[in-house]
PDB file of all heavy atoms in Angstrom:
ATOM      1  N   MET A   1     141.425 160.181 130.761  1.00  0.00           N
ATOM      2  CA  MET A   1     140.566 160.553 131.995  1.00  0.00           C
ATOM      3  C   MET A   1     139.153 160.122 131.835  1.00  0.00           C
ATOM      4  O   MET A   1     138.556 159.640 132.674  1.00  0.00           O
ATOM      5  CB  MET A   1     140.880 161.929 132.462  1.00  0.00           C
ATOM      6  CG  MET A   1     140.279 162.130 133.810  1.00  0.00           C
ATOM      7  SD  MET A   1     141.123 161.126 134.973  1.00  0.00           S
ATOM      8  CE  MET A   1     141.172 162.102 136.340  1.00  0.00           C
ATOM      9  N   LYS A   2     138.650 160.638 130.615  1.00  0.00           N
ATOM     10  CA  LYS A   2     137.174 160.461 130.328  1.00  0.00           C
ATOM     11  C   LYS A   2     136.762 158.904 130.209  1.00  0.00           C
ATOM     12  O   LYS A   2     135.950 158.492 130.570  1.00  0.00           O
ATOM     13  CB  LYS A   2     136.816 161.136 129.103  1.00  0.00           C
ATOM     14  CG  LYS A   2     136.592 162.557 129.354  1.00  0.00           C
ATOM     15  CD  LYS A   2     136.035 163.267 128.025  1.00  0.00           C
ATOM     16  CE  LYS A   2     135.960 164.773 128.214  1.00  0.00           C
ATOM     17  NZ  LYS A   2     135.279 165.337 127.067  1.00  0.00           N
ATOM     18  N   LYS A   3     137.891 158.112 129.549  1.00  0.00           N
ATOM     19  CA  LYS A   3     137.608 156.580 129.311  1.00  0.00           C
ATOM     20  C   LYS A   3     137.645 156.096 130.728  1.00  0.00           C
ATOM     21  O   LYS A   3     136.917 155.155 130.917  1.00  0.00           O
ATOM     22  CB  LYS A   3     138.814 156.165 128.598  1.00  0.00           C
ATOM     23  CG  LYS A   3     138.782 156.490 127.086  1.00  0.00           C
ATOM     24  CD  LYS A   3     139.854 155.790 126.301  1.00  0.00           C
ATOM     25  CE  LYS A   3     139.770 156.296 124.771  1.00  0.00           C
ATOM     26  NZ  LYS A   3     140.870 155.597 124.092  1.00  0.00           N
ATOM     27  N   LEU A   4     138.455 156.479 131.694  1.00  0.00           N
ATOM     28  CA  LEU A   4     138.552 155.886 133.032  1.00  0.00           C
ATOM     29  C   LEU A   4     137.272 156.092 133.768  1.00  0.00           C
ATOM     30  O   LEU A   4     136.628 155.202 134.343  1.00  0.00           O
ATOM     31  CB  LEU A   4     139.742 156.524 133.846  1.00  0.00           C
ATOM     32  CG  LEU A   4     139.916 155.779 135.181  1.00  0.00           C
ATOM     33  CD1 LEU A   4     140.164 154.343 135.112  1.00  0.00           C
ATOM     34  CD2 LEU A   4     141.179 156.425 135.877  1.00  0.00           C
ATOM     35  N   SER A   5     136.740 157.333 133.637  1.00  0.00           N
ATOM     36  CA  SER A   5     135.524 157.613 134.491  1.00  0.00           C
ATOM     37  C   SER A   5     134.260 156.818 133.732  1.00  0.00           C
ATOM     38  O   SER A   5     133.339 156.400 134.407  1.00  0.00           O
ATOM     39  CB  SER A   5     135.226 159.176 134.492  1.00  0.00           C
ATOM     40  OG  SER A   5     135.038 159.698 133.145  1.00  0.00           O
ATOM     41  N   LEU A   6     134.303 156.792 132.453  1.00  0.00           N
ATOM     42  CA  LEU A   6     133.268 155.934 131.737  1.00  0.00           C
ATOM     43  C   LEU A   6     133.317 154.493 132.158  1.00  0.00           C
ATOM     44  O   LEU A   6     132.320 153.978 132.501  1.00  0.00           O
ATOM     45  CB  LEU A   6     133.370 156.119 130.197  1.00  0.00           C
ATOM     46  CG  LEU A   6     132.345 155.473 129.499  1.00  0.00           C
ATOM     47  CD1 LEU A   6     130.971 156.108 129.759  1.00  0.00           C
ATOM     48  CD2 LEU A   6     132.749 155.648 127.917  1.00  0.00           C
ATOM     49  N   LEU A   7     134.539 153.954 132.223  1.00  0.00           N
ATOM     50  CA  LEU A   7     134.728 152.651 132.702  1.00  0.00           C
ATOM     51  C   LEU A   7     134.194 152.461 134.007  1.00  0.00           C
ATOM     52  O   LEU A   7     133.653 151.437 134.389  1.00  0.00           O
ATOM     53  CB  LEU A   7     136.278 152.206 132.534  1.00  0.00           C
ATOM     54  CG  LEU A   7     136.569 150.726 132.941  1.00  0.00           C
ATOM     55  CD1 LEU A   7     135.829 149.785 132.039  1.00  0.00           C
ATOM     56  CD2 LEU A   7     138.068 150.603 132.831  1.00  0.00           C
ATOM     57  N   MET A   8     134.552 153.346 135.021  1.00  0.00           N
ATOM     58  CA  MET A   8     134.179 153.314 136.358  1.00  0.00           C
ATOM     59  C   MET A   8     132.606 153.258 136.500  1.00  0.00           C
ATOM     60  O   MET A   8     132.087 152.510 137.251  1.00  0.00           O
ATOM     61  CB  MET A   8     134.747 154.389 137.173  1.00  0.00           C
ATOM     62  CG  MET A   8     136.250 154.307 137.361  1.00  0.00           C
ATOM     63  SD  MET A   8     136.849 152.744 138.286  1.00  0.00           S
ATOM     64  CE  MET A   8     136.084 153.095 139.911  1.00  0.00           C
ATOM     65  N   MET A   9     131.971 154.121 135.690  1.00  0.00           N
ATOM     66  CA  MET A   9     130.591 154.273 135.718  1.00  0.00           C
ATOM     67  C   MET A   9     129.910 152.885 135.202  1.00  0.00           C
ATOM     68  O   MET A   9     129.021 152.474 135.789  1.00  0.00           O
ATOM     69  CB  MET A   9     129.958 155.359 134.878  1.00  0.00           C
ATOM     70  CG  MET A   9     128.559 155.627 134.962  1.00  0.00           C
ATOM     71  SD  MET A   9     127.795 157.077 134.219  1.00  0.00           S
ATOM     72  CE  MET A   9     128.808 158.399 134.743  1.00  0.00           C
ATOM     73  N   LEU A  10     130.491 152.345 134.147  1.00  0.00           N
ATOM     74  CA  LEU A  10     129.972 150.995 133.681  1.00  0.00           C
ATOM     75  C   LEU A  10     130.218 149.942 134.666  1.00  0.00           C
ATOM     76  O   LEU A  10     129.226 149.086 134.993  1.00  0.00           O
ATOM     77  CB  LEU A  10     130.672 150.712 132.343  1.00  0.00           C
ATOM     78  CG  LEU A  10     130.218 151.440 131.130  1.00  0.00           C
ATOM     79  CD1 LEU A  10     131.221 151.139 129.962  1.00  0.00           C
ATOM     80  CD2 LEU A  10     128.792 151.276 130.762  1.00  0.00           C
ATOM     81  N   LEU A  11     131.232 149.967 135.398  1.00  0.00           N
ATOM     82  CA  LEU A  11     131.420 148.973 136.396  1.00  0.00           C
ATOM     83  C   LEU A  11     130.534 149.155 137.604  1.00  0.00           C
ATOM     84  O   LEU A  11     129.956 148.188 138.206  1.00  0.00           O
ATOM     85  CB  LEU A  11     132.891 148.942 137.011  1.00  0.00           C
ATOM     86  CG  LEU A  11     133.912 148.433 135.986  1.00  0.00           C
ATOM     87  CD1 LEU A  11     135.386 148.703 136.639  1.00  0.00           C
ATOM     88  CD2 LEU A  11     133.654 146.978 135.877  1.00  0.00           C
ATOM     89  N   MET A  12     130.182 150.423 137.852  1.00  0.00           N
ATOM     90  CA  MET A  12     129.221 150.621 139.063  1.00  0.00           C
ATOM     91  C   MET A  12     127.803 150.204 138.589  1.00  0.00           C
ATOM     92  O   MET A  12     127.101 149.510 139.437  1.00  0.00           O
ATOM     93  CB  MET A  12     129.151 152.033 139.451  1.00  0.00           C
ATOM     94  CG  MET A  12     130.391 152.516 140.160  1.00  0.00           C
ATOM     95  SD  MET A  12     130.590 154.276 140.401  1.00  0.00           S
ATOM     96  CE  MET A  12     128.885 154.787 141.038  1.00  0.00           C
ATOM     97  N   VAL A  13     127.484 150.538 137.340  1.00  0.00           N
ATOM     98  CA  VAL A  13     126.140 150.088 136.781  1.00  0.00           C
ATOM     99  C   VAL A  13     125.966 148.485 136.909  1.00  0.00           C
ATOM    100  O   VAL A  13     124.946 148.052 137.362  1.00  0.00           O
ATOM    101  CB  VAL A  13     125.786 150.657 135.430  1.00  0.00           C
ATOM    102  CG1 VAL A  13     124.515 150.051 134.805  1.00  0.00           C
ATOM    103  CG2 VAL A  13     125.685 152.103 135.626  1.00  0.00           C
ATOM    104  N   ALA A  14     127.095 147.900 136.377  1.00  0.00           N
ATOM    105  CA  ALA A  14     127.066 146.451 136.296  1.00  0.00           C
ATOM    106  C   ALA A  14     126.943 145.819 137.726  1.00  0.00           C
ATOM    107  O   ALA A  14     126.244 144.936 137.970  1.00  0.00           O
ATOM    108  CB  ALA A  14     128.366 145.927 135.570  1.00  0.00           C
ATOM    109  N   SER A  15     127.626 146.362 138.721  1.00  0.00           N
ATOM    110  CA  SER A  15     127.515 145.776 140.089  1.00  0.00           C
ATOM    111  C   SER A  15     126.248 146.091 140.699  1.00  0.00           C
ATOM    112  O   SER A  15     125.734 145.243 141.325  1.00  0.00           O
ATOM    113  CB  SER A  15     128.854 146.328 140.837  1.00  0.00           C
ATOM    114  OG  SER A  15     128.642 147.806 141.125  1.00  0.00           O
ATOM    115  N   VAL A  16     125.698 147.278 140.397  1.00  0.00           N
ATOM    116  CA  VAL A  16     124.234 147.509 141.016  1.00  0.00           C
ATOM    117  C   VAL A  16     123.407 146.578 140.406  1.00  0.00           C
ATOM    118  O   VAL A  16     122.511 145.926 141.054  1.00  0.00           O
ATOM    119  CB  VAL A  16     123.901 149.074 140.771  1.00  0.00           C
ATOM    120  CG1 VAL A  16     122.496 149.180 140.970  1.00  0.00           C
ATOM    121  CG2 VAL A  16     124.812 149.847 141.641  1.00  0.00           C
ATOM    122  N   SER A  17     123.505 146.345 139.138  1.00  0.00           N
ATOM    123  CA  SER A  17     122.554 145.362 138.318  1.00  0.00           C
ATOM    124  C   SER A  17     122.718 143.971 138.990  1.00  0.00           C
ATOM    125  O   SER A  17     121.737 143.344 139.173  1.00  0.00           O
ATOM    126  CB  SER A  17     122.791 145.359 136.948  1.00  0.00           C
ATOM    127  OG  SER A  17     122.659 146.577 136.373  1.00  0.00           O
ATOM    128  N   SER A  18     124.006 143.530 139.140  1.00  0.00           N
ATOM    129  CA  SER A  18     124.174 142.291 139.805  1.00  0.00           C
ATOM    130  C   SER A  18     123.648 142.061 141.248  1.00  0.00           C
ATOM    131  O   SER A  18     123.022 141.107 141.616  1.00  0.00           O
ATOM    132  CB  SER A  18     125.723 141.979 139.846  1.00  0.00           C
ATOM    133  OG  SER A  18     126.142 141.967 138.462  1.00  0.00           O
ATOM    134  N   PHE A  19     123.858 143.206 141.932  1.00  0.00           N
ATOM    135  CA  PHE A  19     123.301 143.194 143.317  1.00  0.00           C
ATOM    136  C   PHE A  19     121.809 143.210 143.335  1.00  0.00           C
ATOM    137  O   PHE A  19     121.149 142.331 144.097  1.00  0.00           O
ATOM    138  CB  PHE A  19     123.761 144.512 144.100  1.00  0.00           C
ATOM    139  CG  PHE A  19     123.338 144.563 145.542  1.00  0.00           C
ATOM    140  CD1 PHE A  19     123.960 143.748 146.514  1.00  0.00           C
ATOM    141  CD2 PHE A  19     122.297 145.457 145.825  1.00  0.00           C
ATOM    142  CE1 PHE A  19     123.514 143.808 147.747  1.00  0.00           C
ATOM    143  CE2 PHE A  19     121.756 145.530 147.105  1.00  0.00           C
ATOM    144  CZ  PHE A  19     122.509 144.662 148.140  1.00  0.00           C
ATOM    145  N   ALA A  20     121.186 143.821 142.376  1.00  0.00           N
ATOM    146  CA  ALA A  20     119.752 143.804 142.313  1.00  0.00           C
ATOM    147  C   ALA A  20     119.184 142.342 142.020  1.00  0.00           C
ATOM    148  O   ALA A  20     118.227 141.895 142.480  1.00  0.00           O
ATOM    149  CB  ALA A  20     119.322 144.728 141.335  1.00  0.00           C
ATOM    150  N   LEU A  21     119.912 141.670 141.125  1.00  0.00           N
ATOM    151  CA  LEU A  21     119.670 140.334 140.713  1.00  0.00           C
ATOM    152  C   LEU A  21     119.772 139.432 141.959  1.00  0.00           C
ATOM    153  O   LEU A  21     119.009 138.384 142.199  1.00  0.00           O
ATOM    154  CB  LEU A  21     120.449 139.702 139.425  1.00  0.00           C
ATOM    155  CG  LEU A  21     120.086 140.350 138.192  1.00  0.00           C
ATOM    156  CD1 LEU A  21     121.110 139.921 137.166  1.00  0.00           C
ATOM    157  CD2 LEU A  21     118.689 140.071 137.827  1.00  0.00           C
ATOM    158  N   LEU A  22     120.798 139.665 142.742  1.00  0.00           N
ATOM    159  CA  LEU A  22     121.218 138.775 143.805  1.00  0.00           C
ATOM    160  C   LEU A  22     119.954 138.884 144.950  1.00  0.00           C
ATOM    161  O   LEU A  22     119.735 138.034 145.769  1.00  0.00           O
ATOM    162  CB  LEU A  22     122.469 139.000 144.513  1.00  0.00           C
ATOM    163  CG  LEU A  22     123.695 138.618 143.618  1.00  0.00           C
ATOM    164  CD1 LEU A  22     124.962 139.106 144.262  1.00  0.00           C
ATOM    165  CD2 LEU A  22     123.683 137.053 143.362  1.00  0.00           C
ATOM    166  N   ASN A  23     119.397 140.162 144.994  1.00  0.00           N
ATOM    167  CA  ASN A  23     118.342 140.455 146.010  1.00  0.00           C
ATOM    168  C   ASN A  23     117.033 140.024 145.649  1.00  0.00           C
ATOM    169  O   ASN A  23     116.090 140.233 146.286  1.00  0.00           O
ATOM    170  CB  ASN A  23     118.461 141.976 146.394  1.00  0.00           C
ATOM    171  CG  ASN A  23     119.719 142.215 147.250  1.00  0.00           C
ATOM    172  OD1 ASN A  23     120.241 141.356 148.078  1.00  0.00           O
ATOM    173  ND2 ASN A  23     120.116 143.461 147.225  1.00  0.00           N
ATOM    174  N   GLU A  24     116.810 139.486 144.424  1.00  0.00           N
ATOM    175  CA  GLU A  24     115.553 139.158 143.994  1.00  0.00           C
ATOM    176  C   GLU A  24     115.010 137.954 144.989  1.00  0.00           C
ATOM    177  O   GLU A  24     115.858 137.069 145.225  1.00  0.00           O
ATOM    178  CB  GLU A  24     115.527 138.604 142.539  1.00  0.00           C
ATOM    179  CG  GLU A  24     115.766 139.604 141.523  1.00  0.00           C
ATOM    180  CD  GLU A  24     114.589 140.704 141.490  1.00  0.00           C
ATOM    181  OE1 GLU A  24     113.418 140.281 141.511  1.00  0.00           O
ATOM    182  OE2 GLU A  24     114.847 141.941 141.308  1.00  0.00           O
ATOM    183  N   PRO A  25     113.737 137.927 145.191  1.00  0.00           N
ATOM    184  CA  PRO A  25     113.257 136.728 146.141  1.00  0.00           C
ATOM    185  C   PRO A  25     113.299 135.463 145.279  1.00  0.00           C
ATOM    186  O   PRO A  25     113.259 135.566 144.057  1.00  0.00           O
ATOM    187  CB  PRO A  25     111.773 137.182 146.105  1.00  0.00           C
ATOM    188  CG  PRO A  25     111.637 138.651 145.923  1.00  0.00           C
ATOM    189  CD  PRO A  25     112.809 138.949 144.946  1.00  0.00           C
ATOM    190  N   SER A  26     113.553 134.394 145.999  1.00  0.00           N
ATOM    191  CA  SER A  26     113.732 132.975 145.419  1.00  0.00           C
ATOM    192  C   SER A  26     112.486 132.619 144.542  1.00  0.00           C
ATOM    193  O   SER A  26     112.764 131.811 143.598  1.00  0.00           O
ATOM    194  CB  SER A  26     113.850 131.990 146.537  1.00  0.00           C
ATOM    195  OG  SER A  26     112.717 131.912 147.266  1.00  0.00           O
ATOM    196  N   TYR A  27     111.412 133.126 144.742  1.00  0.00           N
ATOM    197  CA  TYR A  27     110.230 132.773 143.860  1.00  0.00           C
ATOM    198  C   TYR A  27     110.025 133.582 142.664  1.00  0.00           C
ATOM    199  O   TYR A  27     109.228 133.419 141.940  1.00  0.00           O
ATOM    200  CB  TYR A  27     108.924 132.735 144.787  1.00  0.00           C
ATOM    201  CG  TYR A  27     108.541 134.074 145.402  1.00  0.00           C
ATOM    202  CD1 TYR A  27     107.927 135.146 144.629  1.00  0.00           C
ATOM    203  CD2 TYR A  27     109.125 134.442 146.625  1.00  0.00           C
ATOM    204  CE1 TYR A  27     107.724 136.527 145.266  1.00  0.00           C
ATOM    205  CE2 TYR A  27     108.911 135.689 147.145  1.00  0.00           C
ATOM    206  CZ  TYR A  27     108.231 136.745 146.576  1.00  0.00           C
ATOM    207  OH  TYR A  27     107.946 137.902 147.069  1.00  0.00           O
ATOM    208  N   GLN A  28     110.781 134.673 142.517  1.00  0.00           N
ATOM    209  CA  GLN A  28     110.642 135.652 141.433  1.00  0.00           C
ATOM    210  C   GLN A  28     111.110 134.987 140.109  1.00  0.00           C
ATOM    211  O   GLN A  28     112.200 134.440 140.032  1.00  0.00           O
ATOM    212  CB  GLN A  28     111.482 136.826 141.789  1.00  0.00           C
ATOM    213  CG  GLN A  28     111.256 138.041 140.765  1.00  0.00           C
ATOM    214  CD  GLN A  28     110.055 138.905 141.360  1.00  0.00           C
ATOM    215  OE1 GLN A  28     109.732 138.927 142.551  1.00  0.00           O
ATOM    216  NE2 GLN A  28     109.457 139.466 140.382  1.00  0.00           N
ATOM    217  N   VAL A  29     110.298 135.164 139.107  1.00  0.00           N
ATOM    218  CA  VAL A  29     110.799 134.688 137.746  1.00  0.00           C
ATOM    219  C   VAL A  29     111.470 135.867 137.089  1.00  0.00           C
ATOM    220  O   VAL A  29     111.333 136.986 137.506  1.00  0.00           O
ATOM    221  CB  VAL A  29     109.521 134.189 136.808  1.00  0.00           C
ATOM    222  CG1 VAL A  29     109.045 132.884 137.479  1.00  0.00           C
ATOM    223  CG2 VAL A  29     108.518 135.188 136.804  1.00  0.00           C
ATOM    224  N   ARG A  30     112.137 135.587 135.917  1.00  0.00           N
ATOM    225  CA  ARG A  30     112.826 136.526 135.221  1.00  0.00           C
ATOM    226  C   ARG A  30     111.809 137.587 134.644  1.00  0.00           C
ATOM    227  O   ARG A  30     110.765 137.130 134.259  1.00  0.00           O
ATOM    228  CB  ARG A  30     113.641 136.077 134.123  1.00  0.00           C
ATOM    229  CG  ARG A  30     114.912 135.201 134.615  1.00  0.00           C
ATOM    230  CD  ARG A  30     115.621 134.611 133.620  1.00  0.00           C
ATOM    231  NE  ARG A  30     114.800 133.452 133.044  1.00  0.00           N
ATOM    232  CZ  ARG A  30     115.139 132.648 132.153  1.00  0.00           C
ATOM    233  NH1 ARG A  30     116.263 132.754 131.508  1.00  0.00           N
ATOM    234  NH2 ARG A  30     114.360 131.710 131.758  1.00  0.00           N
ATOM    235  N   PRO A  31     112.080 138.867 134.528  1.00  0.00           N
ATOM    236  CA  PRO A  31     111.163 139.688 133.952  1.00  0.00           C
ATOM    237  C   PRO A  31     111.032 139.484 132.526  1.00  0.00           C
ATOM    238  O   PRO A  31     111.991 138.821 131.701  1.00  0.00           O
ATOM    239  CB  PRO A  31     111.833 141.162 134.110  1.00  0.00           C
ATOM    240  CG  PRO A  31     113.270 140.892 134.356  1.00  0.00           C
ATOM    241  CD  PRO A  31     113.393 139.518 134.972  1.00  0.00           C
ATOM    242  N   LEU A  32     109.794 139.822 131.937  1.00  0.00           N
ATOM    243  CA  LEU A  32     109.516 139.440 130.563  1.00  0.00           C
ATOM    244  C   LEU A  32     110.546 140.083 129.476  1.00  0.00           C
ATOM    245  O   LEU A  32     110.892 139.618 128.596  1.00  0.00           O
ATOM    246  CB  LEU A  32     108.129 140.022 130.155  1.00  0.00           C
ATOM    247  CG  LEU A  32     107.353 139.267 129.101  1.00  0.00           C
ATOM    248  CD1 LEU A  32     107.428 137.721 129.264  1.00  0.00           C
ATOM    249  CD2 LEU A  32     106.008 139.742 128.971  1.00  0.00           C
ATOM    250  N   SER A  33     111.061 141.257 129.940  1.00  0.00           N
ATOM    251  CA  SER A  33     112.086 142.001 129.128  1.00  0.00           C
ATOM    252  C   SER A  33     113.267 141.242 128.822  1.00  0.00           C
ATOM    253  O   SER A  33     113.988 141.388 127.824  1.00  0.00           O
ATOM    254  CB  SER A  33     112.436 143.402 129.868  1.00  0.00           C
ATOM    255  OG  SER A  33     112.998 143.155 131.060  1.00  0.00           O
ATOM    256  N   TYR A  34     113.539 140.176 129.699  1.00  0.00           N
ATOM    257  CA  TYR A  34     114.659 139.335 129.574  1.00  0.00           C
ATOM    258  C   TYR A  34     114.602 138.513 128.275  1.00  0.00           C
ATOM    259  O   TYR A  34     115.666 138.233 127.671  1.00  0.00           O
ATOM    260  CB  TYR A  34     114.858 138.385 130.734  1.00  0.00           C
ATOM    261  CG  TYR A  34     115.838 137.343 130.646  1.00  0.00           C
ATOM    262  CD1 TYR A  34     117.226 137.465 131.007  1.00  0.00           C
ATOM    263  CD2 TYR A  34     115.581 136.064 130.071  1.00  0.00           C
ATOM    264  CE1 TYR A  34     118.031 136.522 130.964  1.00  0.00           C
ATOM    265  CE2 TYR A  34     116.533 135.020 130.023  1.00  0.00           C
ATOM    266  CZ  TYR A  34     117.756 135.297 130.430  1.00  0.00           C
ATOM    267  OH  TYR A  34     118.769 134.388 130.284  1.00  0.00           O
ATOM    268  N   PHE A  35     113.346 138.253 127.778  1.00  0.00           N
ATOM    269  CA  PHE A  35     113.133 137.421 126.706  1.00  0.00           C
ATOM    270  C   PHE A  35     113.038 138.132 125.333  1.00  0.00           C
ATOM    271  O   PHE A  35     113.064 137.637 124.243  1.00  0.00           O
ATOM    272  CB  PHE A  35     111.892 136.564 126.836  1.00  0.00           C
ATOM    273  CG  PHE A  35     111.959 135.703 127.948  1.00  0.00           C
ATOM    274  CD1 PHE A  35     111.412 135.991 129.078  1.00  0.00           C
ATOM    275  CD2 PHE A  35     112.525 134.415 127.938  1.00  0.00           C
ATOM    276  CE1 PHE A  35     111.545 135.171 130.245  1.00  0.00           C
ATOM    277  CE2 PHE A  35     112.570 133.428 128.906  1.00  0.00           C
ATOM    278  CZ  PHE A  35     112.196 133.921 130.135  1.00  0.00           C
ATOM    279  N   VAL A  36     112.686 139.487 125.345  1.00  0.00           N
ATOM    280  CA  VAL A  36     112.433 140.291 124.110  1.00  0.00           C
ATOM    281  C   VAL A  36     113.435 140.222 123.116  1.00  0.00           C
ATOM    282  O   VAL A  36     113.198 139.949 121.980  1.00  0.00           O
ATOM    283  CB  VAL A  36     112.108 141.716 124.565  1.00  0.00           C
ATOM    284  CG1 VAL A  36     111.972 142.610 123.267  1.00  0.00           C
ATOM    285  CG2 VAL A  36     110.900 141.868 125.321  1.00  0.00           C
TER     286      VAL A  36
END
């Protein structure tokens, strides 16, 4: 059960991250942290 909830949490974080990237303005460059 813990594995399932952890998996669900990871999927939610991944989908929120993907959604945030899709909502970036067209002129926005990648954050500097991307290159570190």
